[in-house]
C-alpha atoms as a PDB file:
ATOM      1  CA  ALA A   1       0.000   0.000   0.000  1.00  0.00           C
ATOM      2  CA  LEU A   2       2.849   2.380   0.820  1.00  0.00           C
ATOM      3  CA  ARG A   3       4.417   1.752  -2.588  1.00  0.00           C
ATOM      4  CA  GLN A   4       1.217   2.969  -4.249  1.00  0.00           C
ATOM      5  CA  ALA A   5       0.514   5.881  -1.894  1.00  0.00           C
ATOM      6  CA  LEU A   6       2.456   8.458  -3.934  1.00  0.00           C
ATOM      7  CA  GLU A   7       0.857   7.606  -7.271  1.00  0.00           C
ATOM      8  CA  ARG A   8      -2.587   7.436  -5.674  1.00  0.00           C
ATOM      9  CA  ASP A   9      -2.090  10.905  -4.147  1.00  0.00           C
ATOM     10  CA  GLU A  10      -2.719   9.647  -0.607  1.00  0.00           C
ATOM     11  CA  PHE A  11      -0.017  11.809   0.996  1.00  0.00           C
ATOM     12  CA  GLU A  12      -0.607  15.315   2.257  1.00  0.00           C
ATOM     13  CA  VAL A  13       1.685  17.926   3.779  1.00  0.00           C
ATOM     14  CA  TYR A  14       0.488  19.657   6.939  1.00  0.00           C
ATOM     15  CA  TYR A  15       2.164  22.850   8.122  1.00  0.00           C
ATOM     16  CA  GLN A  16       2.892  23.460  11.796  1.00  0.00           C
ATOM     17  CA  PRO A  17       3.474  27.167  12.492  1.00  0.00           C
ATOM     18  CA  ARG A  18       6.706  28.371  14.074  1.00  0.00           C
ATOM     19  CA  MET A  19       6.384  31.406  16.304  1.00  0.00           C
ATOM     20  CA  ASN A  20       8.703  34.064  17.639  1.00  0.00           C
ATOM     21  CA  LEU A  21       7.710  34.075  21.322  1.00  0.00           C
ATOM     22  CA  ARG A  22       8.913  37.650  21.828  1.00  0.00           C
ATOM     23  CA  SER A  23       6.852  39.239  19.048  1.00  0.00           C
ATOM     24  CA  MET A  24       4.230  36.446  18.782  1.00  0.00           C
ATOM     25  CA  GLU A  25       4.631  36.619  15.008  1.00  0.00           C
ATOM     26  CA  MET A  26       4.614  33.569  12.800  1.00  0.00           C
ATOM     27  CA  THR A  27       8.068  33.281  11.238  1.00  0.00           C
ATOM     28  CA  GLY A  28       7.532  30.126   9.226  1.00  0.00           C
ATOM     29  CA  MET A  29       6.338  26.556   9.426  1.00  0.00           C
ATOM     30  CA  GLU A  30       7.459  22.964   9.540  1.00  0.00           C
ATOM     31  CA  ALA A  31       6.284  20.618   6.806  1.00  0.00           C
ATOM     32  CA  LEU A  32       4.814  17.411   8.267  1.00  0.00           C
ATOM     33  CA  LEU A  33       3.942  14.445   6.062  1.00  0.00           C
ATOM     34  CA  ARG A  34       0.622  12.700   6.642  1.00  0.00           C
ATOM     35  CA  TRP A  35      -0.781   9.581   4.986  1.00  0.00           C
ATOM     36  CA  THR A  36      -4.471   8.780   4.759  1.00  0.00           C
ATOM     37  CA  HIS A  37      -5.120   5.311   3.377  1.00  0.00           C
ATOM     38  CA  PRO A  38      -8.592   4.639   1.884  1.00  0.00           C
ATOM     39  CA  GLN A  39      -9.163   1.579   4.091  1.00  0.00           C
ATOM     40  CA  LEU A  40      -6.720   2.007   6.983  1.00  0.00           C
ATOM     41  CA  GLY A  41      -7.454   5.706   7.522  1.00  0.00           C
ATOM     42  CA  ALA A  42      -4.766   7.924   9.025  1.00  0.00           C
ATOM     43  CA  VAL A  43      -1.477   6.022   9.328  1.00  0.00           C
ATOM     44  CA  SER A  44       1.009   7.329  11.898  1.00  0.00           C
ATOM     45  CA  PRO A  45       4.335   8.665  10.538  1.00  0.00           C
ATOM     46  CA  ALA A  46       5.983   6.596  13.295  1.00  0.00           C
ATOM     47  CA  GLN A  47       4.702   3.553  11.397  1.00  0.00           C
ATOM     48  CA  PHE A  48       5.180   4.453   7.750  1.00  0.00           C
ATOM     49  CA  ILE A  49       8.416   6.519   7.776  1.00  0.00           C
ATOM     50  CA  PRO A  50      10.622   3.659   9.097  1.00  0.00           C
ATOM     51  CA  LEU A  51       8.910   1.332   6.611  1.00  0.00           C
ATOM     52  CA  ALA A  52       9.571   3.761   3.747  1.00  0.00           C
ATOM     53  CA  GLU A  53      13.253   3.824   4.765  1.00  0.00           C
ATOM     54  CA  GLU A  54      13.391   0.044   4.966  1.00  0.00           C
ATOM     55  CA  ILE A  55      11.897  -0.597   1.510  1.00  0.00           C
ATOM     56  CA  GLY A  56      13.808   2.211  -0.219  1.00  0.00           C
ATOM     57  CA  LEU A  57      10.946   4.654  -0.820  1.00  0.00           C
ATOM     58  CA  ILE A  58      12.081   7.445   1.489  1.00  0.00           C
ATOM     59  CA  SER A  59      14.055   9.339  -1.172  1.00  0.00           C
ATOM     60  CA  ASP A  60      11.073   9.546  -3.539  1.00  0.00           C
ATOM     61  CA  ILE A  61       8.711  10.502  -0.716  1.00  0.00           C
ATOM     62  CA  GLY A  62      11.215  12.977   0.732  1.00  0.00           C
ATOM     63  CA  ASN A  63      11.688  14.625  -2.665  1.00  0.00           C
ATOM     64  CA  TRP A  64       7.910  14.936  -3.069  1.00  0.00           C
ATOM     65  CA  VAL A  65       7.622  16.628   0.352  1.00  0.00           C
ATOM     66  CA  LEU A  66      10.512  18.974  -0.459  1.00  0.00           C
ATOM     67  CA  GLN A  67       8.899  20.046  -3.746  1.00  0.00           C
ATOM     68  CA  ARG A  68       5.496  20.580  -2.106  1.00  0.00           C
ATOM     69  CA  ALA A  69       6.882  22.471   0.880  1.00  0.00           C
ATOM     70  CA  THR A  70       9.126  24.846  -1.062  1.00  0.00           C
ATOM     71  CA  THR A  71       6.348  25.602  -3.561  1.00  0.00           C
ATOM     72  CA  GLN A  72       3.836  26.284  -0.771  1.00  0.00           C
ATOM     73  CA  ALA A  73       6.284  28.473   1.168  1.00  0.00           C
ATOM     74  CA  ALA A  74       7.024  30.520  -1.960  1.00  0.00           C
ATOM     75  CA  GLN A  75       3.291  30.964  -2.634  1.00  0.00           C
ATOM     76  CA  TRP A  76       2.481  32.027   0.942  1.00  0.00           C
ATOM     77  CA  SER A  77       5.484  34.385   1.039  1.00  0.00           C
ATOM     78  CA  ALA A  78       4.249  36.103  -2.124  1.00  0.00           C
ATOM     79  CA  CYS A  79       0.639  36.136  -0.912  1.00  0.00           C
ATOM     80  CA  TYR A  80       1.417  37.661   2.509  1.00  0.00           C
ATOM     81  CA  GLY A  81       4.311  39.839   1.372  1.00  0.00           C
ATOM     82  CA  ARG A  82       6.762  38.468   3.925  1.00  0.00           C
ATOM     83  CA  PRO A  83       9.520  35.841   3.779  1.00  0.00           C
ATOM     84  CA  LEU A  84       8.095  32.772   5.504  1.00  0.00           C
ATOM     85  CA  LYS A  85      10.598  30.015   6.182  1.00  0.00           C
ATOM     86  CA  VAL A  86       9.803  26.330   5.806  1.00  0.00           C
ATOM     87  CA  SER A  87      11.497  23.417   7.564  1.00  0.00           C
ATOM     88  CA  VAL A  88      11.654  19.991   5.946  1.00  0.00           C
ATOM     89  CA  ASN A  89      12.833  16.837   7.715  1.00  0.00           C
ATOM     90  CA  LEU A  90      15.487  14.638   6.134  1.00  0.00           C
ATOM     91  CA  SER A  91      15.904  10.969   6.956  1.00  0.00           C
ATOM     92  CA  ALA A  92      19.240   9.304   7.636  1.00  0.00           C
ATOM     93  CA  ARG A  93      18.920   7.455   4.321  1.00  0.00           C
ATOM     94  CA  GLN A  94      18.523  10.728   2.403  1.00  0.00           C
ATOM     95  CA  LEU A  95      21.753  11.958   4.005  1.00  0.00           C
ATOM     96  CA  ARG A  96      23.569   9.053   2.357  1.00  0.00           C
ATOM     97  CA  SER A  97      22.149   9.807  -1.084  1.00  0.00           C
ATOM     98  CA  ARG A  98      24.359  11.360  -3.766  1.00  0.00           C
ATOM     99  CA  THR A  99      21.288  12.937  -5.364  1.00  0.00           C
ATOM    100  CA  LEU A 100      20.240  15.000  -2.325  1.00  0.00           C
ATOM    101  CA  VAL A 101      22.070  18.230  -3.188  1.00  0.00           C
ATOM    102  CA  PRO A 102      20.837  18.331  -6.828  1.00  0.00           C
ATOM    103  CA  LEU A 103      17.286  17.572  -5.627  1.00  0.00           C
ATOM    104  CA  VAL A 104      17.405  20.440  -3.127  1.00  0.00           C
ATOM    105  CA  GLU A 105      18.794  22.775  -5.806  1.00  0.00           C
ATOM    106  CA  HIS A 106      16.005  21.747  -8.182  1.00  0.00           C
ATOM    107  CA  ALA A 107      13.302  22.286  -5.536  1.00  0.00           C
ATOM    108  CA  LEU A 108      14.586  25.796  -4.842  1.00  0.00           C
ATOM    109  CA  LEU A 109      14.843  26.703  -8.525  1.00  0.00           C
ATOM    110  CA  SER A 110      11.487  25.265  -9.563  1.00  0.00           C
ATOM    111  CA  SER A 111       9.619  26.810  -6.613  1.00  0.00           C
ATOM    112  CA  GLY A 112      11.377  30.168  -6.698  1.00  0.00           C
ATOM    113  CA  LEU A 113      11.889  30.009  -2.925  1.00  0.00           C
ATOM    114  CA  PRO A 114      15.067  31.830  -1.814  1.00  0.00           C
ATOM    115  CA  ALA A 115      17.523  29.371  -0.249  1.00  0.00           C
ATOM    116  CA  ASN A 116      17.630  31.282   3.047  1.00  0.00           C
ATOM    117  CA  GLN A 117      13.913  30.507   3.539  1.00  0.00           C
ATOM    118  CA  LEU A 118      14.521  26.747   3.533  1.00  0.00           C
ATOM    119  CA  GLU A 119      15.682  24.850   6.608  1.00  0.00           C
ATOM    120  CA  LEU A 120      16.550  21.171   6.476  1.00  0.00           C
ATOM    121  CA  GLU A 121      16.136  19.251   9.715  1.00  0.00           C
ATOM    122  CA  LEU A 122      18.324  16.268  10.533  1.00  0.00           C
ATOM    123  CA  THR A 123      18.358  13.870  13.442  1.00  0.00           C
ATOM    124  CA  GLU A 124      21.337  13.256  15.713  1.00  0.00           C
ATOM    125  CA  SER A 125      21.318   9.556  14.874  1.00  0.00           C
ATOM    126  CA  GLY A 126      21.275  10.322  11.147  1.00  0.00           C
ATOM    127  CA  LEU A 127      24.278  12.610  11.460  1.00  0.00           C
ATOM    128  CA  MET A 128      26.300  10.139  13.461  1.00  0.00           C
ATOM    129  CA  GLU A 129      25.802   7.093  11.200  1.00  0.00           C
ATOM    130  CA  ASP A 130      28.666   8.394   9.056  1.00  0.00           C
ATOM    131  CA  PRO A 131      29.978  11.707  10.456  1.00  0.00           C
ATOM    132  CA  GLU A 132      32.559  12.230   7.688  1.00  0.00           C
ATOM    133  CA  LEU A 133      30.004  11.810   4.911  1.00  0.00           C
ATOM    134  CA  ALA A 134      27.472  13.914   6.813  1.00  0.00           C
ATOM    135  CA  ALA A 135      29.970  16.759   7.332  1.00  0.00           C
ATOM    136  CA  ALA A 136      30.837  16.864   3.613  1.00  0.00           C
ATOM    137  CA  LEU A 137      27.175  16.771   2.574  1.00  0.00           C
ATOM    138  CA  LEU A 138      26.128  19.435   5.071  1.00  0.00           C
ATOM    139  CA  ASN A 139      28.865  21.744   3.812  1.00  0.00           C
ATOM    140  CA  GLU A 140      27.566  21.277   0.259  1.00  0.00           C
ATOM    141  CA  LEU A 141      24.008  22.035   1.369  1.00  0.00           C
ATOM    142  CA  LYS A 142      25.153  25.022   3.421  1.00  0.00           C
ATOM    143  CA  ALA A 143      26.900  26.412   0.341  1.00  0.00           C
ATOM    144  CA  LEU A 144      23.462  26.699  -1.314  1.00  0.00           C
ATOM    145  CA  GLY A 145      22.548  29.304   1.319  1.00  0.00           C
ATOM    146  CA  LEU A 146      19.958  27.333   3.281  1.00  0.00           C
ATOM    147  CA  LYS A 147      19.703  26.672   7.021  1.00  0.00           C
ATOM    148  CA  LEU A 148      20.495  23.423   8.815  1.00  0.00           C
ATOM    149  CA  SER A 149      18.970  22.246  12.058  1.00  0.00           C
ATOM    150  CA  VAL A 150      19.232  19.225  14.367  1.00  0.00           C
ATOM    151  CA  ASP A 151      15.817  17.875  15.332  1.00  0.00           C
ATOM    152  CA  ASP A 152      15.022  16.090  18.616  1.00  0.00           C
ATOM    153  CA  PHE A 153      18.316  17.294  20.061  1.00  0.00           C
ATOM    154  CA  GLY A 154      19.450  15.580  23.230  1.00  0.00           C
ATOM    155  CA  THR A 155      17.912  12.172  22.631  1.00  0.00           C
ATOM    156  CA  GLY A 156      20.635  10.585  20.476  1.00  0.00           C
ATOM    157  CA  TYR A 157      23.901   8.938  21.425  1.00  0.00           C
ATOM    158  CA  SER A 158      26.266  11.316  19.705  1.00  0.00           C
ATOM    159  CA  SER A 159      29.123  13.361  21.065  1.00  0.00           C
ATOM    160  CA  LEU A 160      28.730  17.090  21.596  1.00  0.00           C
ATOM    161  CA  ALA A 161      31.852  17.468  19.458  1.00  0.00           C
ATOM    162  CA  TYR A 162      29.724  17.425  16.313  1.00  0.00           C
ATOM    163  CA  LEU A 163      28.275  20.826  17.248  1.00  0.00           C
ATOM    164  CA  CYS A 164      31.644  22.247  16.226  1.00  0.00           C
ATOM    165  CA  ARG A 165      32.161  19.939  13.228  1.00  0.00           C
ATOM    166  CA  PHE A 166      28.858  20.465  11.418  1.00  0.00           C
ATOM    167  CA  PRO A 167      27.686  23.816   9.970  1.00  0.00           C
ATOM    168  CA  LEU A 168      24.467  23.953  11.996  1.00  0.00           C
ATOM    169  CA  ASP A 169      22.224  26.977  12.431  1.00  0.00           C
ATOM    170  CA  SER A 170      19.878  25.757  15.134  1.00  0.00           C
ATOM    171  CA  LEU A 171      19.012  22.986  17.555  1.00  0.00           C
ATOM    172  CA  LYS A 172      15.479  21.818  18.239  1.00  0.00           C
ATOM    173  CA  LEU A 173      15.122  20.408  21.727  1.00  0.00           C
ATOM    174  CA  ASP A 174      13.256  17.164  21.984  1.00  0.00           C
ATOM    175  CA  ARG A 175       9.940  17.855  23.658  1.00  0.00           C
ATOM    176  CA  SER A 176      10.556  15.149  26.242  1.00  0.00           C
ATOM    177  CA  PHE A 177      12.731  17.713  28.056  1.00  0.00           C
ATOM    178  CA  LEU A 178       9.648  19.818  28.685  1.00  0.00           C
ATOM    179  CA  LEU A 179       7.172  16.999  29.291  1.00  0.00           C
ATOM    180  CA  GLN A 180       9.029  15.174  32.062  1.00  0.00           C
ATOM    181  CA  GLN A 181       7.341  15.567  35.435  1.00  0.00           C
ATOM    182  CA  GLN A 182       9.854  14.340  37.995  1.00  0.00           C
ATOM    183  CA  PRO A 183       9.961  16.629  41.032  1.00  0.00           C
ATOM    184  CA  GLU A 184      13.074  14.964  42.436  1.00  0.00           C
ATOM    185  CA  ALA A 185      15.012  15.415  39.179  1.00  0.00           C
ATOM    186  CA  VAL A 186      16.783  18.455  37.782  1.00  0.00           C
ATOM    187  CA  SER A 187      14.280  21.068  36.623  1.00  0.00           C
ATOM    188  CA  THR A 188      13.558  20.379  32.938  1.00  0.00           C
ATOM    189  CA  LEU A 189      13.336  24.121  32.292  1.00  0.00           C
ATOM    190  CA  LYS A 190      16.815  24.598  33.748  1.00  0.00           C
ATOM    191  CA  LEU A 191      18.091  21.746  31.609  1.00  0.00           C
ATOM    192  CA  ALA A 192      16.487  23.289  28.510  1.00  0.00           C
ATOM    193  CA  GLU A 193      18.033  26.657  29.363  1.00  0.00           C
ATOM    194  CA  ALA A 194      21.461  25.050  29.774  1.00  0.00           C
ATOM    195  CA  ILE A 195      21.200  23.371  26.362  1.00  0.00           C
ATOM    196  CA  ILE A 196      20.125  26.665  24.744  1.00  0.00           C
ATOM    197  CA  ASN A 197      23.161  28.396  26.291  1.00  0.00           C
ATOM    198  CA  LEU A 198      25.376  25.559  25.041  1.00  0.00           C
ATOM    199  CA  ALA A 199      23.918  25.949  21.541  1.00  0.00           C
ATOM    200  CA  HIS A 200      24.687  29.679  21.511  1.00  0.00           C
END
């Protein structure tokens, strides 16, 4: 069913707004892939994304999301007269693909979205599968003028040394830091603040 989902137009991109908490303005959005199957209904990304990676479909699906997201961001930016940024998640498998940089270039050119309005989000585990390859690829992507972010920061098994090795623009804390309710533990807000200071 997953193999046929793209051709049957069963995927949809949802957009989660990103806010500046000081000004309360929307600065952009994150593109989130959703799959609605005619019989199964809504299928969780936690189920179908690992499967797409396993059966080799993630590059095609990821490219589709990238094209949709950059086109939508360009349209909304023109419509509202302000540069809205869009974030798109990359899988670890996409990071190992030689076609990633040309695909990103094509998405930017075909959509007309300026490179500085695109942010690619990577996971810690994806970066650390092959740090040398990841560093080279991220430098190529960075040269296009886009932004790079680490998603779910603080939940992987990587060394903090990669913060200096990779050309990253931002870290996204995993929400588990803010959801933990353990009165005897270190304050999660203090931990979040410490990680933000470390990132700066």
